[in-house]
Amino acid sequence: MNKRAVFDHVDWRNETRLYAEIGKRIREARRKKGFTQEALSDRVTLSRPSISFLENGQQNISLHAIYEICFVLDVSIHKILPNNVKES
């Protein structure tokens, strides 16, 4: 059976929407791990206000910082970065 890629309805080329979704996923992963913003900031190279802005979609984030957060929260980067392609 051949699988083909089908584009999802969300267009992640919109930066505002993309960073808001990344922030939401980071917040969910942080809470699931039981970390406060302060506890996370103590373990990564971001300040607590930066984490707050990030989680609210008000600050862009580098790929390196995403990897760092994923490592600390023990979550796959695939759970943080939205995928605009789904298999059907």
Protein backbone atom coordinates (compact mmCIF):
# COMPACT_ATOMS: atom_id res chain seq x y z
CA MET A 1 0.00 0.00 0.00
CA ASN A 2 1.46 3.35 -1.03
CA LYS A 3 1.26 6.21 1.41
CA ARG A 4 1.21 9.74 0.16
CA ALA A 5 1.72 12.97 2.03
CA VAL A 6 -1.32 15.16 2.46
CA PHE A 7 -1.03 18.70 3.75
CA ASP A 8 -2.91 19.35 6.95
CA HIS A 9 -5.30 22.29 7.19
CA VAL A 10 -2.88 24.37 9.31
CA ASP A 11 -0.42 26.53 7.40
CA TRP A 12 2.64 26.75 9.66
CA ARG A 13 4.28 29.27 7.33
CA ASN A 14 2.52 31.91 9.42
CA GLU A 15 5.21 32.71 12.02
CA THR A 16 2.80 34.00 14.65
CA ARG A 17 0.74 30.83 14.56
CA LEU A 18 3.85 28.63 14.47
CA TYR A 19 5.54 30.20 17.51
CA ALA A 20 2.26 30.24 19.45
CA GLU A 21 1.88 26.50 18.84
CA ILE A 22 5.49 25.77 19.81
CA GLY A 23 5.03 27.78 23.00
CA LYS A 24 1.82 25.95 23.84
CA ARG A 25 3.53 22.59 23.39
CA ILE A 26 6.50 23.63 25.53
CA ARG A 27 4.12 24.78 28.29
CA GLU A 28 2.27 21.45 28.16
CA ALA A 29 5.54 19.46 28.31
CA ARG A 30 6.86 21.62 31.16
CA ARG A 31 3.69 21.17 33.21
CA LYS A 32 3.60 17.45 32.51
CA LYS A 33 7.14 17.20 33.87
CA GLY A 34 6.04 19.19 36.94
CA PHE A 35 8.42 22.10 36.33
CA THR A 36 7.70 25.74 37.00
CA GLN A 37 8.97 28.32 34.52
CA GLU A 38 11.64 29.18 37.08
CA ALA A 39 12.75 25.54 37.41
CA LEU A 40 13.02 25.20 33.64
CA SER A 41 14.94 28.47 33.31
CA ASP A 42 17.44 27.21 35.91
CA ARG A 43 18.22 24.27 33.61
CA VAL A 44 18.38 26.01 30.21
CA THR A 45 19.96 29.18 28.82
CA LEU A 46 16.70 31.15 28.91
CA SER A 47 15.42 33.45 31.65
CA ARG A 48 12.06 32.91 33.33
CA PRO A 49 10.54 35.93 31.53
CA SER A 50 11.83 34.55 28.21
CA ILE A 51 10.14 31.23 28.91
CA SER A 52 6.92 33.06 29.73
CA PHE A 53 7.08 35.08 26.50
CA LEU A 54 7.94 31.93 24.57
CA GLU A 55 5.04 29.94 26.01
CA ASN A 56 2.68 32.79 25.10
CA GLY A 57 3.92 32.94 21.51
CA GLN A 58 5.46 36.37 22.03
CA GLN A 59 9.10 35.40 21.52
CA ASN A 60 10.87 33.47 18.80
CA ILE A 61 13.16 30.62 19.81
CA SER A 62 16.31 29.20 18.28
CA LEU A 63 16.53 25.59 17.23
CA HIS A 64 19.34 25.10 19.75
CA ALA A 65 17.10 26.36 22.58
CA ILE A 66 14.32 23.99 21.48
CA TYR A 67 16.74 21.05 21.63
CA GLU A 68 17.93 22.19 25.05
CA ILE A 69 14.35 22.40 26.38
CA CYS A 70 13.48 19.01 24.89
CA PHE A 71 16.52 17.44 26.56
CA VAL A 72 15.67 18.90 29.97
CA LEU A 73 11.97 17.98 29.70
CA ASP A 74 12.80 14.54 28.27
CA VAL A 75 10.49 15.01 25.31
CA SER A 76 11.05 14.35 21.63
CA ILE A 77 11.52 17.44 19.49
CA HIS A 78 8.80 15.98 17.26
CA LYS A 79 6.34 16.60 20.08
CA ILE A 80 7.29 20.30 20.18
CA LEU A 81 7.61 21.17 16.48
CA PRO A 82 4.30 20.97 14.63
CA ASN A 83 4.21 18.87 11.49
CA ASN A 84 2.26 20.20 8.56
CA VAL A 85 2.22 16.84 6.76
CA LYS A 86 0.25 13.81 7.78
CA GLU A 87 0.17 10.40 6.17
CA SER A 88 -3.07 9.07 4.81
